[in-house]
C-alpha atoms as a PDB file:
ATOM      1  CA  MET A   1      13.995   1.140 -13.316  1.00  0.00           C
ATOM      2  CA  LYS A   2      11.980   3.839 -11.850  1.00  0.00           C
ATOM      3  CA  THR A   3       9.023   2.599  -8.737  1.00  0.00           C
ATOM      4  CA  ILE A   4       6.089   5.116  -8.652  1.00  0.00           C
ATOM      5  CA  ILE A   5       4.682   4.723  -6.063  1.00  0.00           C
ATOM      6  CA  THR A   6       1.059   6.325  -4.942  1.00  0.00           C
ATOM      7  CA  ILE A   7       0.742   6.929  -1.096  1.00  0.00           C
ATOM      8  CA  GLY A   8      -2.460   9.103   0.984  1.00  0.00           C
ATOM      9  CA  THR A   9      -3.861   9.249   4.649  1.00  0.00           C
ATOM     10  CA  GLY A  10      -6.740   6.848   3.603  1.00  0.00           C
ATOM     11  CA  TYR A  11      -9.487   7.653   1.490  1.00  0.00           C
ATOM     12  CA  SER A  12      -7.277  10.725   0.507  1.00  0.00           C
ATOM     13  CA  GLY A  13      -7.842  10.288  -3.477  1.00  0.00           C
ATOM     14  CA  SER A  14      -4.433   8.155  -4.152  1.00  0.00           C
ATOM     15  CA  SER A  15      -6.000   5.580  -5.527  1.00  0.00           C
ATOM     16  CA  ALA A  16      -7.287   7.515  -8.415  1.00  0.00           C
ATOM     17  CA  ILE A  17      -4.285   8.342  -9.064  1.00  0.00           C
ATOM     18  CA  TYR A  18      -2.811   5.663  -9.003  1.00  0.00           C
ATOM     19  CA  ASP A  19      -5.819   4.345 -11.627  1.00  0.00           C
ATOM     20  CA  PHE A  20      -5.059   7.199 -14.370  1.00  0.00           C
ATOM     21  CA  LEU A  21      -1.477   6.188 -14.201  1.00  0.00           C
ATOM     22  CA  LYS A  22      -2.813   2.130 -14.649  1.00  0.00           C
ATOM     23  CA  LYS A  23      -4.537   3.489 -17.644  1.00  0.00           C
ATOM     24  CA  THR A  24      -1.533   5.195 -19.590  1.00  0.00           C
ATOM     25  CA  ASN A  25      -0.233   1.536 -20.026  1.00  0.00           C
ATOM     26  CA  LYS A  26       3.186   3.194 -19.882  1.00  0.00           C
ATOM     27  CA  PHE A  27       3.982   0.944 -16.433  1.00  0.00           C
ATOM     28  CA  THR A  28       4.082  -2.565 -15.201  1.00  0.00           C
ATOM     29  CA  ASP A  29       1.718  -2.987 -12.623  1.00  0.00           C
ATOM     30  CA  PRO A  30       2.450  -6.344 -10.524  1.00  0.00           C
ATOM     31  CA  PHE A  31      -0.265  -6.204  -8.178  1.00  0.00           C
ATOM     32  CA  PRO A  32      -3.198  -4.928  -9.740  1.00  0.00           C
ATOM     33  CA  ASP A  33      -5.750  -3.360  -7.703  1.00  0.00           C
ATOM     34  CA  LYS A  34      -3.807  -3.888  -4.629  1.00  0.00           C
ATOM     35  CA  GLU A  35      -2.026  -1.947  -1.879  1.00  0.00           C
ATOM     36  CA  PHE A  36       1.237  -3.366  -1.910  1.00  0.00           C
ATOM     37  CA  SER A  37       2.147  -3.018   2.283  1.00  0.00           C
ATOM     38  CA  LEU A  38       5.395  -5.685   2.520  1.00  0.00           C
ATOM     39  CA  SER A  39       7.785  -3.085   3.431  1.00  0.00           C
ATOM     40  CA  TYR A  40       5.666  -1.728   6.433  1.00  0.00           C
ATOM     41  CA  ASP A  41       3.628  -4.704   7.662  1.00  0.00           C
ATOM     42  CA  PRO A  42       4.327  -6.144  10.630  1.00  0.00           C
ATOM     43  CA  GLY A  43       6.756  -9.598  10.125  1.00  0.00           C
ATOM     44  CA  GLY A  44       7.517  -7.039   6.792  1.00  0.00           C
ATOM     45  CA  LEU A  45      10.615  -5.877   5.753  1.00  0.00           C
ATOM     46  CA  LEU A  46      11.775  -3.269   8.166  1.00  0.00           C
ATOM     47  CA  ASP A  47      10.951  -5.867  10.502  1.00  0.00           C
ATOM     48  CA  LEU A  48      12.820  -8.359   9.326  1.00  0.00           C
ATOM     49  CA  GLU A  49      15.645  -5.257   8.690  1.00  0.00           C
ATOM     50  CA  GLU A  50      15.491  -4.375  12.585  1.00  0.00           C
ATOM     51  CA  LYS A  51      15.878  -7.658  13.437  1.00  0.00           C
ATOM     52  CA  ILE A  52      19.317  -7.803  11.620  1.00  0.00           C
ATOM     53  CA  LEU A  53      20.300  -4.774  13.206  1.00  0.00           C
ATOM     54  CA  LYS A  54      18.961  -4.358  16.743  1.00  0.00           C
ATOM     55  CA  ALA A  55      18.026  -8.239  17.608  1.00  0.00           C
ATOM     56  CA  LYS A  56      19.879 -10.126  20.222  1.00  0.00           C
ATOM     57  CA  SER A  57      16.780 -12.344  21.039  1.00  0.00           C
ATOM     58  CA  ILE A  58      16.164 -15.564  19.509  1.00  0.00           C
ATOM     59  CA  ASN A  59      12.505 -15.293  20.290  1.00  0.00           C
ATOM     60  CA  GLN A  60      12.311 -11.460  18.456  1.00  0.00           C
ATOM     61  CA  VAL A  61      14.346 -13.244  15.264  1.00  0.00           C
ATOM     62  CA  ASN A  62      11.769 -16.291  14.998  1.00  0.00           C
ATOM     63  CA  PHE A  63       8.753 -14.400  15.683  1.00  0.00           C
ATOM     64  CA  THR A  64       9.131 -11.759  13.303  1.00  0.00           C
ATOM     65  CA  ILE A  65      10.130 -15.162  10.455  1.00  0.00           C
ATOM     66  CA  SER A  66       7.123 -16.789  11.589  1.00  0.00           C
ATOM     67  CA  GLN A  67       5.011 -13.583  10.733  1.00  0.00           C
ATOM     68  CA  PHE A  68       7.103 -12.914   7.154  1.00  0.00           C
ATOM     69  CA  LYS A  69       5.755 -16.368   6.487  1.00  0.00           C
ATOM     70  CA  LYS A  70       2.528 -16.028   7.459  1.00  0.00           C
ATOM     71  CA  ASN A  71       2.152 -12.763   5.724  1.00  0.00           C
ATOM     72  CA  PHE A  72       2.523 -14.707   2.084  1.00  0.00           C
ATOM     73  CA  TYR A  73      -0.769 -16.388   2.861  1.00  0.00           C
ATOM     74  CA  TYR A  74      -2.222 -13.149   4.009  1.00  0.00           C
ATOM     75  CA  TYR A  75      -1.243 -11.272   0.712  1.00  0.00           C
ATOM     76  CA  THR A  76      -2.393 -14.335  -1.580  1.00  0.00           C
ATOM     77  CA  ASN A  77      -5.461 -15.310   0.400  1.00  0.00           C
ATOM     78  CA  ALA A  78      -8.847 -14.879  -1.002  1.00  0.00           C
ATOM     79  CA  GLU A  79     -11.050 -11.655  -0.262  1.00  0.00           C
ATOM     80  CA  ASN A  80     -13.346 -13.886   0.636  1.00  0.00           C
ATOM     81  CA  SER A  81     -12.116 -16.870   2.333  1.00  0.00           C
ATOM     82  CA  ILE A  82     -12.105 -17.965   6.042  1.00  0.00           C
ATOM     83  CA  LYS A  83      -9.154 -15.787   6.875  1.00  0.00           C
ATOM     84  CA  PRO A  84      -9.491 -12.729   3.892  1.00  0.00           C
ATOM     85  CA  GLY A  85      -6.442 -11.201   2.196  1.00  0.00           C
ATOM     86  CA  LYS A  86      -5.039  -9.681  -0.446  1.00  0.00           C
ATOM     87  CA  ASN A  87      -5.674 -12.425  -3.104  1.00  0.00           C
ATOM     88  CA  PHE A  88      -2.692 -11.700  -4.914  1.00  0.00           C
ATOM     89  CA  SER A  89      -2.148 -13.279  -8.584  1.00  0.00           C
ATOM     90  CA  ASN A  90       0.032 -16.198  -9.193  1.00  0.00           C
ATOM     91  CA  LYS A  91       0.126 -17.550  -5.852  1.00  0.00           C
ATOM     92  CA  LYS A  92       3.143 -20.390  -6.954  1.00  0.00           C
ATOM     93  CA  ARG A  93       5.185 -17.763  -7.985  1.00  0.00           C
ATOM     94  CA  LEU A  94       5.256 -15.602  -5.094  1.00  0.00           C
ATOM     95  CA  LYS A  95       5.105 -18.817  -2.990  1.00  0.00           C
ATOM     96  CA  ASN A  96       8.101 -19.906  -4.579  1.00  0.00           C
ATOM     97  CA  LEU A  97      10.146 -16.337  -4.429  1.00  0.00           C
ATOM     98  CA  PHE A  98       9.171 -15.997  -0.520  1.00  0.00           C
ATOM     99  CA  ASP A  99      11.272 -19.272   0.103  1.00  0.00           C
ATOM    100  CA  GLU A 100      13.427 -18.418  -1.571  1.00  0.00           C
ATOM    101  CA  TYR A 101      14.021 -14.847   0.079  1.00  0.00           C
ATOM    102  CA  ILE A 102      13.484 -16.605   3.374  1.00  0.00           C
ATOM    103  CA  ASP A 103      16.583 -19.259   2.419  1.00  0.00           C
ATOM    104  CA  SER A 104      18.374 -16.026   1.445  1.00  0.00           C
ATOM    105  CA  ILE A 105      18.672 -14.437   4.673  1.00  0.00           C
ATOM    106  CA  ILE A 106      18.770 -17.783   7.265  1.00  0.00           C
ATOM    107  CA  ASP A 107      22.697 -17.189   8.224  1.00  0.00           C
ATOM    108  CA  PHE A 108      22.115 -20.901  10.317  1.00  0.00           C
ATOM    109  CA  GLU A 109      19.247 -22.930  11.993  1.00  0.00           C
ATOM    110  CA  TYR A 110      19.198 -25.283  14.488  1.00  0.00           C
ATOM    111  CA  MET A 111      16.583 -27.477  16.918  1.00  0.00           C
ATOM    112  CA  GLY A 112      14.899 -25.943  19.821  1.00  0.00           C
ATOM    113  CA  GLU A 113      11.886 -23.973  21.349  1.00  0.00           C
ATOM    114  CA  SER A 114      12.390 -21.492  24.277  1.00  0.00           C
ATOM    115  CA  THR A 115       9.630 -21.298  26.459  1.00  0.00           C
ATOM    116  CA  PHE A 116       8.056 -18.186  24.762  1.00  0.00           C
ATOM    117  CA  MET A 117       7.958 -20.475  21.792  1.00  0.00           C
ATOM    118  CA  LYS A 118       5.906 -22.705  23.550  1.00  0.00           C
ATOM    119  CA  HIS A 119       3.309 -20.210  24.785  1.00  0.00           C
ATOM    120  CA  GLN A 120       2.817 -19.010  20.915  1.00  0.00           C
ATOM    121  CA  ASN A 121       1.765 -22.500  20.045  1.00  0.00           C
ATOM    122  CA  ASN A 122      -2.263 -23.165  20.200  1.00  0.00           C
ATOM    123  CA  PHE A 123      -3.704 -25.061  21.637  1.00  0.00           C
ATOM    124  CA  SER A 124      -3.848 -28.146  19.777  1.00  0.00           C
ATOM    125  CA  SER A 125      -0.012 -27.550  19.631  1.00  0.00           C
ATOM    126  CA  TYR A 126       0.044 -27.359  23.370  1.00  0.00           C
ATOM    127  CA  LEU A 127      -2.144 -30.984  23.610  1.00  0.00           C
ATOM    128  CA  ASN A 128       0.628 -32.448  21.380  1.00  0.00           C
ATOM    129  CA  SER A 129       3.558 -31.227  22.865  1.00  0.00           C
ATOM    130  CA  LYS A 130       2.392 -32.814  25.966  1.00  0.00           C
ATOM    131  CA  ILE A 131       1.645 -36.240  24.521  1.00  0.00           C
ATOM    132  CA  TYR A 132       5.044 -35.904  22.845  1.00  0.00           C
ATOM    133  CA  GLU A 133       6.408 -35.241  26.565  1.00  0.00           C
ATOM    134  CA  LYS A 134       4.543 -38.570  28.262  1.00  0.00           C
ATOM    135  CA  LEU A 135       6.102 -40.329  25.211  1.00  0.00           C
ATOM    136  CA  ASN A 136       9.368 -39.110  25.923  1.00  0.00           C
ATOM    137  CA  ILE A 137       9.589 -38.192  22.296  1.00  0.00           C
ATOM    138  CA  LYS A 138      11.374 -34.443  21.741  1.00  0.00           C
ATOM    139  CA  LYS A 139       9.465 -32.386  19.281  1.00  0.00           C
ATOM    140  CA  ARG A 140      11.128 -29.266  18.505  1.00  0.00           C
ATOM    141  CA  LYS A 141      11.213 -26.408  16.191  1.00  0.00           C
ATOM    142  CA  LYS A 142      14.066 -24.709  14.405  1.00  0.00           C
ATOM    143  CA  ILE A 143      15.450 -21.426  15.862  1.00  0.00           C
ATOM    144  CA  TYR A 144      17.100 -19.595  13.307  1.00  0.00           C
ATOM    145  CA  SER A 145      19.865 -16.818  13.146  1.00  0.00           C
ATOM    146  CA  LEU A 146      19.634 -13.751  10.488  1.00  0.00           C
ATOM    147  CA  VAL A 147      22.720 -13.046   7.770  1.00  0.00           C
ATOM    148  CA  ASP A 148      24.616  -9.836   8.536  1.00  0.00           C
ATOM    149  CA  TYR A 149      22.901  -6.665   7.513  1.00  0.00           C
ATOM    150  CA  SER A 150      25.280  -6.219   4.040  1.00  0.00           C
ATOM    151  CA  LYS A 151      23.994  -9.649   2.621  1.00  0.00           C
ATOM    152  CA  PHE A 152      20.399  -8.900   3.916  1.00  0.00           C
ATOM    153  CA  LYS A 153      20.260  -5.284   1.685  1.00  0.00           C
ATOM    154  CA  GLU A 154      21.838  -7.658  -0.940  1.00  0.00           C
ATOM    155  CA  GLU A 155      18.903 -10.263  -0.748  1.00  0.00           C
ATOM    156  CA  THR A 156      16.149  -8.058  -0.879  1.00  0.00           C
ATOM    157  CA  ASN A 157      17.230  -6.041  -3.339  1.00  0.00           C
ATOM    158  CA  ASN A 158      17.259  -9.340  -5.423  1.00  0.00           C
ATOM    159  CA  PHE A 159      13.819 -10.483  -4.062  1.00  0.00           C
ATOM    160  CA  MET A 160      12.542  -7.016  -4.943  1.00  0.00           C
ATOM    161  CA  ARG A 161      13.502  -7.092  -8.237  1.00  0.00           C
ATOM    162  CA  LYS A 162      12.387 -10.504  -9.258  1.00  0.00           C
ATOM    163  CA  LEU A 163       8.829  -9.997  -7.433  1.00  0.00           C
ATOM    164  CA  PHE A 164       8.251  -6.741 -10.163  1.00  0.00           C
ATOM    165  CA  PHE A 165      10.165  -8.855 -13.167  1.00  0.00           C
ATOM    166  CA  VAL A 166       6.688  -9.268 -15.063  1.00  0.00           C
ATOM    167  CA  ASN A 167       6.464 -10.399 -18.206  1.00  0.00           C
ATOM    168  CA  GLY A 168      10.532 -10.726 -18.730  1.00  0.00           C
ATOM    169  CA  LYS A 169      10.898  -6.293 -18.778  1.00  0.00           C
ATOM    170  CA  ASP A 170      12.383  -4.286 -15.948  1.00  0.00           C
ATOM    171  CA  ASP A 171       9.697  -1.846 -16.994  1.00  0.00           C
ATOM    172  CA  ASP A 172       9.053   1.610 -14.520  1.00  0.00           C
ATOM    173  CA  VAL A 173       6.559   0.010 -12.033  1.00  0.00           C
ATOM    174  CA  ILE A 174       3.697   1.678 -10.109  1.00  0.00           C
ATOM    175  CA  LEU A 175       2.433   0.444  -6.688  1.00  0.00           C
ATOM    176  CA  ASP A 176      -0.671   1.668  -4.789  1.00  0.00           C
ATOM    177  CA  GLN A 177       0.059   2.499  -1.012  1.00  0.00           C
ATOM    178  CA  GLY A 178       3.496   1.072  -1.117  1.00  0.00           C
ATOM    179  CA  GLY A 179       5.044   3.048   1.411  1.00  0.00           C
ATOM    180  CA  ILE A 180       2.942   5.147   4.667  1.00  0.00           C
ATOM    181  CA  ILE A 181       2.491   8.744   5.035  1.00  0.00           C
ATOM    182  CA  THR A 182       4.089   8.140   8.715  1.00  0.00           C
ATOM    183  CA  ASP A 183       7.591   6.588   7.767  1.00  0.00           C
ATOM    184  CA  ILE A 184       7.907   7.326   3.832  1.00  0.00           C
ATOM    185  CA  PHE A 185      12.152   7.474   3.895  1.00  0.00           C
ATOM    186  CA  ASN A 186      11.790   3.374   5.350  1.00  0.00           C
ATOM    187  CA  SER A 187       8.894   2.162   3.861  1.00  0.00           C
ATOM    188  CA  THR A 188      10.032   3.120   0.431  1.00  0.00           C
ATOM    189  CA  LYS A 189      13.836   2.687   0.621  1.00  0.00           C
ATOM    190  CA  PHE A 190      13.465  -1.084  -0.452  1.00  0.00           C
ATOM    191  CA  TYR A 191      12.026   0.189  -4.029  1.00  0.00           C
ATOM    192  CA  SER A 192      14.059   0.812  -7.239  1.00  0.00           C
ATOM    193  CA  TYR A 193      14.855   4.352  -7.886  1.00  0.00           C
ATOM    194  CA  PRO A 194      11.749   5.372  -5.798  1.00  0.00           C
ATOM    195  CA  TYR A 195       9.528   8.428  -6.629  1.00  0.00           C
ATOM    196  CA  ILE A 196       6.463   9.009  -4.524  1.00  0.00           C
ATOM    197  CA  ILE A 197       3.338  10.298  -5.279  1.00  0.00           C
ATOM    198  CA  LEU A 198       1.605  11.989  -1.657  1.00  0.00           C
ATOM    199  CA  VAL A 199      -1.529  12.744  -1.794  1.00  0.00           C
ATOM    200  CA  TYR A 200      -3.952  14.689   0.312  1.00  0.00           C
ATOM    201  CA  ARG A 201      -7.613  16.003   0.476  1.00  0.00           C
ATOM    202  CA  ASP A 202      -9.818  17.342   2.611  1.00  0.00           C
ATOM    203  CA  PRO A 203     -10.411  15.758   6.047  1.00  0.00           C
ATOM    204  CA  ARG A 204     -13.939  16.786   5.450  1.00  0.00           C
ATOM    205  CA  ASP A 205     -14.616  14.461   2.686  1.00  0.00           C
ATOM    206  CA  ILE A 206     -12.334  11.737   4.161  1.00  0.00           C
ATOM    207  CA  PHE A 207     -14.460  11.782   7.327  1.00  0.00           C
ATOM    208  CA  ALA A 208     -17.739  12.010   5.224  1.00  0.00           C
ATOM    209  CA  GLU A 209     -15.772   8.608   3.292  1.00  0.00           C
ATOM    210  CA  PHE A 210     -15.134   7.026   6.886  1.00  0.00           C
ATOM    211  CA  LYS A 211     -18.715   7.435   7.358  1.00  0.00           C
ATOM    212  CA  GLN A 212     -20.218   5.976   4.655  1.00  0.00           C
ATOM    213  CA  LYS A 213     -18.279   2.540   4.040  1.00  0.00           C
ATOM    214  CA  SER A 214     -16.759  -0.019   6.256  1.00  0.00           C
ATOM    215  CA  ALA A 215     -13.721   1.470   7.246  1.00  0.00           C
ATOM    216  CA  TYR A 216     -13.428  -0.204  10.550  1.00  0.00           C
ATOM    217  CA  SER A 217      -9.661   0.339  10.688  1.00  0.00           C
ATOM    218  CA  TYR A 218     -10.347   4.221  10.281  1.00  0.00           C
ATOM    219  CA  PRO A 219     -11.961   6.343  13.308  1.00  0.00           C
ATOM    220  CA  LYS A 220     -15.311   7.008  11.728  1.00  0.00           C
ATOM    221  CA  GLU A 221     -17.729   6.952  14.806  1.00  0.00           C
ATOM    222  CA  ASN A 222     -17.017  10.250  16.495  1.00  0.00           C
ATOM    223  CA  VAL A 223     -15.587  13.715  14.620  1.00  0.00           C
ATOM    224  CA  ASN A 224     -13.494  14.660  17.793  1.00  0.00           C
ATOM    225  CA  ILE A 225     -11.183  11.336  17.517  1.00  0.00           C
ATOM    226  CA  PHE A 226     -11.425  11.527  14.103  1.00  0.00           C
ATOM    227  CA  CYS A 227      -9.865  14.626  14.429  1.00  0.00           C
ATOM    228  CA  LYS A 228      -7.200  14.059  17.009  1.00  0.00           C
ATOM    229  CA  TRP A 229      -6.041  10.748  14.360  1.00  0.00           C
ATOM    230  CA  TYR A 230      -5.753  13.579  11.298  1.00  0.00           C
ATOM    231  CA  GLN A 231      -3.754  15.670  13.250  1.00  0.00           C
ATOM    232  CA  LYS A 232      -1.297  12.978  14.768  1.00  0.00           C
ATOM    233  CA  LEU A 233      -1.387  11.776  11.488  1.00  0.00           C
ATOM    234  CA  ILE A 234      -0.254  14.533   9.461  1.00  0.00           C
ATOM    235  CA  ASN A 235       2.122  15.203  12.788  1.00  0.00           C
ATOM    236  CA  ASN A 236       3.895  12.223  12.627  1.00  0.00           C
ATOM    237  CA  ILE A 237       4.684  13.384   9.090  1.00  0.00           C
ATOM    238  CA  ASN A 238       8.470  13.329   8.663  1.00  0.00           C
ATOM    239  CA  ASN A 239       9.608  16.593   7.169  1.00  0.00           C
ATOM    240  CA  GLN A 240      13.302  15.335   6.537  1.00  0.00           C
ATOM    241  CA  ASP A 241      11.976  12.941   3.976  1.00  0.00           C
ATOM    242  CA  PHE A 242      11.124  15.704   1.853  1.00  0.00           C
ATOM    243  CA  LYS A 243      14.840  16.603   1.123  1.00  0.00           C
ATOM    244  CA  ASN A 244      15.927  13.289   1.241  1.00  0.00           C
ATOM    245  CA  LEU A 245      13.404  11.542  -1.440  1.00  0.00           C
ATOM    246  CA  LYS A 246      11.864  12.747  -4.711  1.00  0.00           C
ATOM    247  CA  ILE A 247       8.255  13.149  -3.237  1.00  0.00           C
ATOM    248  CA  LEU A 248       5.492  15.025  -5.474  1.00  0.00           C
ATOM    249  CA  ASN A 249       2.781  16.447  -2.892  1.00  0.00           C
ATOM    250  CA  LEU A 250      -0.837  16.493  -4.677  1.00  0.00           C
ATOM    251  CA  ASN A 251      -4.524  17.565  -3.630  1.00  0.00           C
ATOM    252  CA  PHE A 252      -7.358  15.187  -4.442  1.00  0.00           C
ATOM    253  CA  GLU A 253      -9.053  18.169  -5.745  1.00  0.00           C
ATOM    254  CA  ASP A 254      -6.945  19.577  -7.928  1.00  0.00           C
ATOM    255  CA  PHE A 255      -6.460  16.064  -9.602  1.00  0.00           C
ATOM    256  CA  VAL A 256     -10.143  16.498 -10.518  1.00  0.00           C
ATOM    257  CA  LEU A 257     -10.458  19.999 -11.164  1.00  0.00           C
ATOM    258  CA  ASN A 258      -7.458  20.874 -12.295  1.00  0.00           C
ATOM    259  CA  HIS A 259      -6.612  17.849 -14.005  1.00  0.00           C
ATOM    260  CA  LYS A 260      -4.802  18.825 -17.004  1.00  0.00           C
ATOM    261  CA  ASN A 261      -2.206  21.123 -14.848  1.00  0.00           C
ATOM    262  CA  THR A 262      -1.812  17.860 -12.293  1.00  0.00           C
ATOM    263  CA  ILE A 263      -1.064  15.313 -14.850  1.00  0.00           C
ATOM    264  CA  GLN A 264       1.410  18.263 -16.678  1.00  0.00           C
ATOM    265  CA  ASN A 265       2.903  18.192 -13.280  1.00  0.00           C
ATOM    266  CA  ILE A 266       3.119  14.418 -12.642  1.00  0.00           C
ATOM    267  CA  SER A 267       4.869  13.437 -16.031  1.00  0.00           C
ATOM    268  CA  GLU A 268       7.345  16.217 -15.070  1.00  0.00           C
ATOM    269  CA  PHE A 269       8.253  14.809 -11.600  1.00  0.00           C
ATOM    270  CA  ILE A 270       8.087  11.720 -13.521  1.00  0.00           C
ATOM    271  CA  SER A 271      10.002  12.399 -16.846  1.00  0.00           C
ATOM    272  CA  GLU A 272       7.312  10.942 -18.614  1.00  0.00           C
ATOM    273  CA  ASP A 273       5.095  12.318 -20.729  1.00  0.00           C
ATOM    274  CA  LEU A 274       1.301  11.210 -20.132  1.00  0.00           C
ATOM    275  CA  SER A 275      -0.761  14.484 -21.730  1.00  0.00           C
ATOM    276  CA  ASN A 276      -1.698  11.639 -24.501  1.00  0.00           C
ATOM    277  CA  SER A 277      -3.334   9.686 -21.454  1.00  0.00           C
ATOM    278  CA  LEU A 278      -6.076  12.633 -20.536  1.00  0.00           C
ATOM    279  CA  GLU A 279      -8.949  10.879 -22.761  1.00  0.00           C
ATOM    280  CA  ASP A 280      -8.804   7.788 -22.045  1.00  0.00           C
ATOM    281  CA  PHE A 281      -8.987   8.953 -18.147  1.00  0.00           C
ATOM    282  CA  ASN A 282     -13.094   9.027 -16.905  1.00  0.00           C
ATOM    283  CA  LEU A 283     -13.163  11.773 -14.364  1.00  0.00           C
ATOM    284  CA  GLU A 284     -17.100  11.664 -13.494  1.00  0.00           C
ATOM    285  CA  ARG A 285     -16.492   9.012 -10.785  1.00  0.00           C
ATOM    286  CA  SER A 286     -13.725  10.946  -9.168  1.00  0.00           C
ATOM    287  CA  LYS A 287     -16.075  14.258  -9.681  1.00  0.00           C
ATOM    288  CA  ASN A 288     -18.825  12.457  -7.746  1.00  0.00           C
ATOM    289  CA  ASN A 289     -16.598  11.944  -4.792  1.00  0.00           C
ATOM    290  CA  LEU A 290     -15.514  16.020  -4.818  1.00  0.00           C
ATOM    291  CA  PHE A 291     -17.149  17.887  -1.214  1.00  0.00           C
ATOM    292  CA  LYS A 292     -19.465  14.840  -0.512  1.00  0.00           C
ATOM    293  CA  PHE A 293     -19.623  16.172   3.462  1.00  0.00           C
ATOM    294  CA  LYS A 294     -22.039  18.287   2.194  1.00  0.00           C
ATOM    295  CA  ASN A 295     -24.708  15.807   1.984  1.00  0.00           C
ATOM    296  CA  LEU A 296     -23.088  13.326   4.646  1.00  0.00           C
ATOM    297  CA  LEU A 297     -22.013  15.521   7.244  1.00  0.00           C
ATOM    298  CA  GLU A 298     -23.459  17.063   9.860  1.00  0.00           C
ATOM    299  CA  ASP A 299     -23.426  20.503  10.869  1.00  0.00           C
ATOM    300  CA  HIS A 300     -21.844  19.549  14.193  1.00  0.00           C
ATOM    301  CA  GLU A 301     -19.362  17.450  12.390  1.00  0.00           C
ATOM    302  CA  ILE A 302     -18.705  19.336   9.485  1.00  0.00           C
ATOM    303  CA  LEU A 303     -17.780  23.291  12.074  1.00  0.00           C
ATOM    304  CA  ALA A 304     -15.904  20.381  14.569  1.00  0.00           C
ATOM    305  CA  ILE A 305     -13.417  19.728  11.183  1.00  0.00           C
ATOM    306  CA  GLU A 306     -13.091  23.447  10.194  1.00  0.00           C
ATOM    307  CA  LYS A 307     -12.357  24.484  13.823  1.00  0.00           C
ATOM    308  CA  THR A 308      -9.609  21.726  14.553  1.00  0.00           C
ATOM    309  CA  LEU A 309      -8.506  21.211  11.076  1.00  0.00           C
ATOM    310  CA  LYS A 310      -8.583  24.330   9.376  1.00  0.00           C
ATOM    311  CA  LYS A 311      -5.450  24.989   7.750  1.00  0.00           C
ATOM    312  CA  TYR A 312      -5.518  21.525   5.852  1.00  0.00           C
ATOM    313  CA  LEU A 313      -9.039  21.962   4.102  1.00  0.00           C
ATOM    314  CA  TYR A 314      -9.403  22.527   0.821  1.00  0.00           C
ATOM    315  CA  ASN A 315     -10.126  26.135  -0.570  1.00  0.00           C
ATOM    316  CA  LYS A 316      -8.640  26.744  -4.098  1.00  0.00           C
END
């Protein structure tokens, strides 16, 4: 089972490639139209792995396990809830898988509470603890110890296999943003046979998208900060990853302007003929997103990006 993962910089157009692959109906899409960030989220798989390999503090281990459990609600809460989430479907199945996985990577547990754990309590929990103390009631939490690394790898592989095992089939899987561009190898290593499609886009259009949309997690107010952000992002890409992984570099602009050739490149990369799907994908929406900067950016913003990020512009 191959895992095909689209990764971009944010508003890079990677979702267009993901949408194309989804419409081919050749792959299992376990989390349709949702970015799958389980490996690299705070408290995600990489953090759990790090605590097994490096952490000596019970506080670090317990904090990460607690965060991993909380992440379940981040993935399954509705987008318009008080605490908005990613709204993954089939909550009952996911909850069972998450609970089974956590149980499988806990070696042993005991009741206790450190000063740090007390400090992490919210105000109501703090008041309750004071009441328990006055009543001479010992109220403690669970303290966990994790399994060794070989057991962690085994159980994580089982967890991921079950997570992607949809409709009783071991089909090839597609994931949108299943890894991060600045840590490609580590953020995709939990997948079965990862094939990474790395999507780049003219930074002038990326900044235009930031300014036009509610991209609050990205630098959208100041073009100079954006240039620093983008340059740092690209600088943090580990070139060694390209030697260790199956990675295909694509430009969003080529996907639109040289669609047939780009689809042929993807087909050869994943060893799957996608040419019959060309007519099923409407390029008009993507075409409308080309060179938006000409109408959305001010002249000084365009000049700043062209000067600072010249080698990343699309000029073909």
